[in-house]
Amino acid sequence: MASLALQDSMGTKALPDASDFKRALVDVLYRRHFGALLIFCIDSLNQAHGDNVSQALKVLNSVVIPAPESFHITDDKIAVLFDADDARVHEIPSSLPAVIADQTGLRVSCGGIKISSEDYGLHPQMSEIIFSTAQCVLARAQQHAIPQVVWLTEKSTEDALSDISLNFFREIARINAALVQRMTLESRTDFLTGLYNRRGFEAVFTRMVRRANRNGKPLALYYIDSDSLKAINDSKGHDAGDRFIANLAQVLNDMLRGSDLLSRWAGDEFAAVVENTSRARAYAIARRLNRAVDERTEGTISIGVYHGVPESTEDAFRQADAALYRVKNRGKNDIELADPV
């Protein structure tokens, strides 16, 4: 078997390998502007004479390998990456496989993807999709023994590569949808506790208020403030304060049902909602939350509670905030239920 030693008799430096290629592909997708990926395969390597392989490599050297990012990815394959502004991708002759065959007697297949975008790098799976798509195009070129460089482009939806093109754009749509979903979730999630942040809470609470007004069933809003975070930050540092907030969030979450709503409203403030509950039960839940935090964390909390069918989200928060203010004024570590309107 002839070896595809990527260092010819003229002293051409050996090409980077597959691991280098993977890193470079991620880099061009994430930090630059992807232009194209082309893969060459010497199909008849097993039967090739070493001199023929060397000659084929010289032809590739003269046309492609001088590109700044060429890689020896398998024994019989070379991959070449191009930035979007690299004009050399347009200088590769479509007849390159036929030229190599005429000069060396070797059959070389060439296939790749030439669909430029600045947005590919936003999803971690994009490098795998780009590479696998280029491999599919190469396989199609090999299957049909196409004596030309075969490119998947934005115009490939109506030619022999339509199925590969359709699958590629379907994958792009899938990961873009997943990316939007992830970004939406992240924009509504508090990074420290994993709970909803204020934005996420407001979106859900708005729906809860509408539902309460439709069915006439009261809800309870708990406006919770830590009495201890500032003292912990001052005495033990902000890392200790973060650990306290994370622990506090876990305790509150443990004491509520999966159907209840809990969020980190601000730095040391939380908000929770329990639907379809009586006034007595709303008070009992607040007392249970207060006691659990006192027993299971190094701090305490104060809670203002609104119970009823609110006219609006602002109405519920105004009343819960007023109740919390009264708790703070009389000494903290307690609860108060807003008077029914």
Protein backbone atom coordinates (compact mmCIF):
# COMPACT_ATOMS: atom_id res chain seq x y z
CA MET A 1 0.00 0.00 0.00
CA ALA A 2 1.32 3.43 -0.89
CA SER A 3 1.56 5.84 1.99
CA LEU A 4 0.11 9.32 1.69
CA ALA A 5 3.12 11.00 3.24
CA LEU A 6 2.34 14.67 2.96
CA GLN A 7 5.94 15.71 2.50
CA ASP A 8 7.11 15.48 -1.07
CA SER A 9 10.58 15.23 -2.49
CA MET A 10 10.82 18.99 -2.72
CA GLY A 11 10.69 19.27 1.07
CA THR A 12 7.14 20.48 1.40
CA LYS A 13 6.30 20.72 5.09
CA ALA A 14 3.96 18.02 6.38
CA LEU A 15 0.36 19.18 6.78
CA PRO A 16 -1.42 19.51 10.14
CA ASP A 17 -3.54 16.52 11.10
CA ALA A 18 -7.22 15.81 11.87
CA SER A 19 -7.11 17.19 15.41
CA ASP A 20 -5.65 20.44 14.09
CA PHE A 21 -8.41 20.53 11.48
CA LYS A 22 -11.17 20.24 14.08
CA ARG A 23 -9.73 23.11 16.08
CA ALA A 24 -9.28 25.25 12.98
CA LEU A 25 -12.84 24.61 11.80
CA VAL A 26 -14.25 25.68 15.16
CA ASP A 27 -12.02 28.75 15.08
CA VAL A 28 -13.10 29.85 11.61
CA LEU A 29 -16.76 29.34 12.53
CA TYR A 30 -16.65 31.07 15.90
CA ARG A 31 -14.09 33.83 15.48
CA ARG A 32 -13.98 34.54 11.78
CA HIS A 33 -16.25 34.26 8.75
CA PHE A 34 -16.58 30.80 7.22
CA GLY A 35 -16.22 30.71 3.45
CA ALA A 36 -15.76 27.12 2.30
CA LEU A 37 -14.53 23.63 3.16
CA LEU A 38 -13.19 21.36 0.42
CA ILE A 39 -12.14 17.73 0.90
CA PHE A 40 -9.90 15.81 -1.53
CA CYS A 41 -9.69 12.02 -1.56
CA ILE A 42 -7.24 9.86 -3.53
CA ASP A 43 -9.72 7.11 -4.36
CA SER A 44 -7.16 4.68 -5.81
CA LEU A 45 -4.58 5.03 -3.03
CA ASN A 46 -4.49 1.31 -2.26
CA GLN A 47 -3.40 0.46 -5.78
CA ALA A 48 -1.28 3.53 -6.36
CA HIS A 49 2.47 3.52 -6.90
CA GLY A 50 4.39 5.79 -4.55
CA ASP A 51 5.68 7.95 -7.41
CA ASN A 52 2.12 8.56 -8.61
CA VAL A 53 0.99 9.57 -5.13
CA SER A 54 3.94 11.96 -4.87
CA GLN A 55 3.06 13.46 -8.24
CA ALA A 56 -0.60 13.85 -7.21
CA LEU A 57 0.50 15.65 -4.07
CA LYS A 58 2.63 18.00 -6.14
CA VAL A 59 -0.40 18.87 -8.25
CA LEU A 60 -2.45 19.48 -5.11
CA ASN A 61 0.43 21.51 -3.69
CA SER A 62 0.49 23.74 -6.72
CA VAL A 63 -3.24 24.42 -6.64
CA VAL A 64 -4.62 23.97 -3.14
CA ILE A 65 -2.18 23.14 -0.38
CA PRO A 66 -0.51 26.59 -0.41
CA ALA A 67 -3.76 27.80 1.16
CA PRO A 68 -3.02 28.71 4.79
CA GLU A 69 -5.32 26.05 6.23
CA SER A 70 -4.86 22.64 4.64
CA PHE A 71 -5.00 19.46 6.72
CA HIS A 72 -4.22 15.75 6.38
CA ILE A 73 -7.41 14.44 8.02
CA THR A 74 -7.16 10.73 7.08
CA ASP A 75 -4.64 8.61 5.21
CA ASP A 76 -6.25 9.38 1.86
CA LYS A 77 -7.95 12.75 2.49
CA ILE A 78 -6.92 16.39 2.56
CA ALA A 79 -9.25 19.12 3.86
CA VAL A 80 -8.87 22.79 2.99
CA LEU A 81 -10.56 25.64 4.87
CA PHE A 82 -11.24 29.07 3.40
CA ASP A 83 -12.36 32.31 5.02
CA ALA A 84 -15.17 34.13 3.25
CA ASP A 85 -12.77 36.81 1.98
CA ASP A 86 -10.21 34.32 0.62
CA ALA A 87 -10.40 34.68 -3.17
CA ARG A 88 -8.37 31.52 -3.74
CA VAL A 89 -11.44 29.37 -3.26
CA HIS A 90 -12.71 30.78 -6.56
CA GLU A 91 -9.42 29.97 -8.32
CA ILE A 92 -9.63 26.21 -7.82
CA PRO A 93 -10.36 24.80 -11.28
CA SER A 94 -13.43 22.61 -11.46
CA SER A 95 -11.41 20.24 -13.66
CA LEU A 96 -8.79 19.55 -10.96
CA PRO A 97 -9.68 15.82 -10.57
CA ALA A 98 -9.36 15.33 -14.33
CA VAL A 99 -6.02 17.19 -14.38
CA ILE A 100 -4.63 14.93 -11.65
CA ALA A 101 -5.91 11.84 -13.45
CA ASP A 102 -4.28 12.91 -16.72
CA GLN A 103 -0.93 13.64 -15.09
CA THR A 104 -0.71 10.76 -12.60
CA GLY A 105 -3.28 8.14 -13.51
CA LEU A 106 -4.81 8.52 -10.04
CA ARG A 107 -8.52 9.01 -9.50
CA VAL A 108 -9.13 11.89 -7.09
CA SER A 109 -12.56 12.99 -5.88
CA CYS A 110 -13.20 16.50 -4.60
CA GLY A 111 -16.28 17.66 -2.72
CA GLY A 112 -17.14 20.41 -0.29
CA ILE A 113 -19.45 23.13 0.90
CA LYS A 114 -19.29 26.76 -0.21
CA ILE A 115 -22.12 28.49 1.64
CA SER A 116 -20.75 31.47 3.55
CA SER A 117 -22.34 32.80 6.75
CA GLU A 118 -21.29 34.86 9.76
CA ASP A 119 -23.78 33.05 12.02
CA TYR A 120 -22.54 29.47 11.81
CA GLY A 121 -20.43 29.71 14.94
CA LEU A 122 -23.27 30.45 17.32
CA HIS A 123 -24.06 26.79 17.93
CA PRO A 124 -21.56 24.14 19.15
CA GLN A 125 -22.87 21.51 16.69
CA MET A 126 -22.22 23.67 13.65
CA SER A 127 -18.69 22.41 13.00
CA GLU A 128 -19.95 18.81 12.92
CA ILE A 129 -22.74 19.72 10.49
CA ILE A 130 -20.36 21.59 8.16
CA PHE A 131 -17.86 18.72 8.14
CA SER A 132 -20.42 15.94 7.72
CA THR A 133 -22.10 17.86 4.88
CA ALA A 134 -18.79 18.28 3.06
CA GLN A 135 -18.17 14.55 3.49
CA CYS A 136 -21.59 13.79 2.01
CA VAL A 137 -20.78 15.89 -1.05
CA LEU A 138 -17.43 14.11 -1.40
CA ALA A 139 -19.16 10.73 -1.12
CA ARG A 140 -21.58 11.76 -3.88
CA ALA A 141 -18.64 12.74 -6.10
CA GLN A 142 -17.02 9.36 -5.41
CA GLN A 143 -20.24 7.42 -5.95
CA HIS A 144 -20.77 8.90 -9.40
CA ALA A 145 -17.06 9.17 -10.28
CA ILE A 146 -17.51 12.85 -11.07
CA PRO A 147 -14.28 14.15 -12.67
CA GLN A 148 -14.85 17.67 -11.31
CA VAL A 149 -14.75 19.55 -8.02
CA VAL A 150 -18.27 19.21 -6.60
CA TRP A 151 -19.51 22.11 -4.47
CA LEU A 152 -22.64 22.39 -2.36
CA THR A 153 -23.75 26.01 -2.74
CA GLU A 154 -26.85 28.03 -1.99
CA LYS A 155 -28.02 27.19 -5.53
CA SER A 156 -27.80 23.41 -5.02
CA THR A 157 -31.47 23.03 -4.08
CA GLU A 158 -32.47 22.08 -7.61
CA ASP A 159 -29.54 19.94 -8.80
CA ALA A 160 -28.18 16.47 -8.05
CA LEU A 161 -27.24 17.59 -4.53
CA SER A 162 -30.75 18.73 -3.63
CA ASP A 163 -31.17 16.06 -0.94
CA ILE A 164 -27.88 17.02 0.73
CA SER A 165 -28.79 20.69 0.45
CA LEU A 166 -32.23 20.10 1.94
CA ASN A 167 -30.77 18.15 4.85
CA PHE A 168 -28.12 20.83 5.46
CA PHE A 169 -30.61 23.68 5.62
CA ARG A 170 -32.97 21.55 7.72
CA GLU A 171 -30.15 21.04 10.22
CA ILE A 172 -29.40 24.77 10.17
CA ALA A 173 -33.05 25.52 10.91
CA ARG A 174 -33.07 22.96 13.72
CA ILE A 175 -30.02 24.31 15.50
CA ASN A 176 -31.15 27.91 14.98
CA ALA A 177 -34.47 27.07 16.62
CA ALA A 178 -32.61 25.38 19.47
CA LEU A 179 -30.34 28.41 19.77
CA VAL A 180 -33.26 30.82 19.93
CA GLN A 181 -34.90 28.63 22.56
CA ARG A 182 -31.69 28.48 24.59
CA MET A 183 -31.10 32.23 24.34
CA THR A 184 -34.70 32.91 25.33
CA LEU A 185 -34.34 30.61 28.32
CA GLU A 186 -31.04 32.17 29.33
CA SER A 187 -32.51 35.66 29.07
CA ARG A 188 -35.19 34.63 31.56
CA THR A 189 -33.03 32.60 33.95
CA ASP A 190 -30.91 33.72 36.90
CA PHE A 191 -27.40 32.31 36.41
CA LEU A 192 -26.66 31.80 40.13
CA THR A 193 -29.81 29.99 41.25
CA GLY A 194 -31.19 28.57 38.01
CA LEU A 195 -34.56 30.13 38.86
CA TYR A 196 -36.52 32.51 36.68
CA ASN A 197 -35.17 36.04 36.78
CA ARG A 198 -37.49 39.05 36.97
CA ARG A 199 -38.17 39.02 33.24
CA GLY A 200 -39.03 35.33 33.21
CA PHE A 201 -41.18 35.66 36.31
CA GLU A 202 -43.20 38.55 34.92
CA ALA A 203 -44.03 36.64 31.74
CA VAL A 204 -45.42 33.67 33.69
CA PHE A 205 -47.06 35.73 36.43
CA THR A 206 -48.96 37.77 33.83
CA ARG A 207 -50.56 34.56 32.56
CA MET A 208 -51.38 33.50 36.12
CA VAL A 209 -53.14 36.79 36.84
CA ARG A 210 -55.20 36.47 33.66
CA ARG A 211 -56.15 32.93 34.62
CA ALA A 212 -57.17 34.01 38.12
CA ASN A 213 -59.40 36.70 36.64
CA ARG A 214 -60.99 34.21 34.23
CA ASN A 215 -61.80 31.52 36.78
CA GLY A 216 -62.18 33.73 39.85
CA LYS A 217 -59.79 31.58 41.90
CA PRO A 218 -57.42 33.53 44.16
CA LEU A 219 -53.66 33.26 44.12
CA ALA A 220 -50.98 34.11 46.65
CA LEU A 221 -47.95 36.26 45.79
CA TYR A 222 -44.98 36.07 48.18
CA TYR A 223 -42.52 38.94 48.07
CA ILE A 224 -39.45 37.64 49.93
CA ASP A 225 -36.45 39.65 51.10
CA SER A 226 -33.29 38.30 52.74
CA ASP A 227 -32.50 39.90 56.08
CA SER A 228 -28.94 38.57 56.08
CA LEU A 229 -27.20 38.93 52.71
CA LYS A 230 -25.54 42.29 53.42
CA ALA A 231 -24.13 41.08 56.74
CA ILE A 232 -22.79 37.88 55.13
CA ASN A 233 -21.19 39.85 52.29
CA ASP A 234 -19.59 42.28 54.76
CA SER A 235 -18.28 39.63 57.15
CA LYS A 236 -17.44 36.70 54.85
CA GLY A 237 -17.18 38.14 51.35
CA HIS A 238 -19.32 38.03 48.23
CA ASP A 239 -18.52 34.40 47.42
CA ALA A 240 -20.08 33.42 50.74
CA GLY A 241 -23.00 35.69 49.91
CA ASP A 242 -23.49 33.91 46.58
CA ARG A 243 -23.46 30.54 48.33
CA PHE A 244 -26.07 31.79 50.78
CA ILE A 245 -28.34 33.01 47.97
CA ALA A 246 -27.99 29.69 46.13
CA ASN A 247 -28.78 27.79 49.34
CA LEU A 248 -31.71 30.09 50.09
CA ALA A 249 -33.11 29.50 46.60
CA GLN A 250 -32.82 25.73 47.06
CA VAL A 251 -34.64 25.82 50.40
CA LEU A 252 -37.47 27.92 48.98
CA ASN A 253 -37.74 25.65 45.96
CA ASP A 254 -37.85 22.56 48.19
CA MET A 255 -40.76 23.99 50.17
CA LEU A 256 -42.90 24.78 47.12
CA ARG A 257 -44.66 22.49 44.66
CA GLY A 258 -43.49 21.92 41.13
CA SER A 259 -46.54 23.80 39.85
CA ASP A 260 -45.74 26.89 41.94
CA LEU A 261 -43.72 29.78 40.52
CA LEU A 262 -40.46 30.91 42.12
CA SER A 263 -37.95 33.49 40.92
CA ARG A 264 -34.98 35.49 42.03
CA TRP A 265 -36.51 38.93 41.66
CA ALA A 266 -33.38 40.95 42.46
CA GLY A 267 -30.10 40.61 44.37
CA ASP A 268 -31.54 39.46 47.70
CA GLU A 269 -35.22 39.40 46.76
CA PHE A 270 -37.36 36.48 45.61
CA ALA A 271 -40.94 36.24 44.41
CA ALA A 272 -43.19 33.19 44.49
CA VAL A 273 -46.76 32.47 43.42
CA VAL A 274 -49.14 29.73 44.54
CA GLU A 275 -52.38 29.46 42.57
CA ASN A 276 -55.86 28.45 43.71
CA THR A 277 -55.24 28.71 47.44
CA SER A 278 -57.19 29.95 50.45
CA ARG A 279 -56.11 32.87 52.60
CA ALA A 280 -55.38 30.59 55.55
CA ARG A 281 -53.25 28.28 53.42
CA ALA A 282 -51.42 31.23 51.88
CA TYR A 283 -50.45 32.36 55.38
CA ALA A 284 -49.42 28.84 56.40
CA ILE A 285 -47.15 28.50 53.36
CA ALA A 286 -45.47 31.82 54.19
CA ARG A 287 -44.89 30.68 57.77
CA ARG A 288 -43.42 27.40 56.52
CA LEU A 289 -41.04 29.20 54.15
CA ASN A 290 -39.90 31.56 56.89
CA ARG A 291 -39.24 28.71 59.32
CA ALA A 292 -37.40 26.54 56.78
CA VAL A 293 -34.98 29.33 55.87
CA ASP A 294 -34.33 30.06 59.55
CA GLU A 295 -33.58 26.38 60.24
CA ARG A 296 -31.67 25.41 57.09
CA THR A 297 -29.60 28.48 56.21
CA GLU A 298 -27.39 30.93 58.07
CA GLY A 299 -29.87 33.75 57.54
CA THR A 300 -33.51 34.75 57.78
CA ILE A 301 -36.14 36.21 55.46
CA SER A 302 -39.05 38.63 55.64
CA ILE A 303 -42.16 37.98 53.55
CA GLY A 304 -44.97 40.20 52.37
CA VAL A 305 -47.97 38.23 51.08
CA TYR A 306 -50.75 39.24 48.73
CA HIS A 307 -53.81 36.99 48.49
CA GLY A 308 -56.75 37.42 46.17
CA VAL A 309 -57.69 37.93 42.53
CA PRO A 310 -55.55 40.92 41.52
CA GLU A 311 -56.64 43.54 39.04
CA SER A 312 -53.14 43.43 37.57
CA THR A 313 -49.64 42.17 38.28
CA GLU A 314 -48.74 45.66 39.49
CA ASP A 315 -51.67 45.64 41.93
CA ALA A 316 -50.53 42.35 43.48
CA PHE A 317 -46.92 43.51 43.83
CA ARG A 318 -47.91 46.86 45.27
CA GLN A 319 -49.85 45.18 48.07
CA ALA A 320 -47.20 42.49 48.71
CA ASP A 321 -44.48 45.16 48.80
CA ALA A 322 -46.44 47.25 51.29
CA ALA A 323 -46.85 44.20 53.53
CA LEU A 324 -43.11 43.45 53.29
CA TYR A 325 -42.31 47.05 54.19
CA ARG A 326 -44.33 46.73 57.39
CA VAL A 327 -42.44 43.54 58.32
CA LYS A 328 -39.10 45.28 57.82
CA ASN A 329 -40.16 48.24 59.93
CA ARG A 330 -41.04 46.10 62.92
CA GLY A 331 -37.87 44.03 63.04
CA LYS A 332 -37.60 41.55 60.11
CA ASN A 333 -37.65 37.71 60.15
CA ASP A 334 -41.43 37.64 60.01
CA ILE A 335 -44.37 37.58 57.61
CA GLU A 336 -47.38 39.77 56.95
CA LEU A 337 -50.46 39.14 54.87
CA ALA A 338 -51.81 42.18 53.06
CA ASP A 339 -55.31 43.21 54.11
CA PRO A 340 -58.00 42.05 51.69
CA VAL A 341 -59.33 44.81 49.47
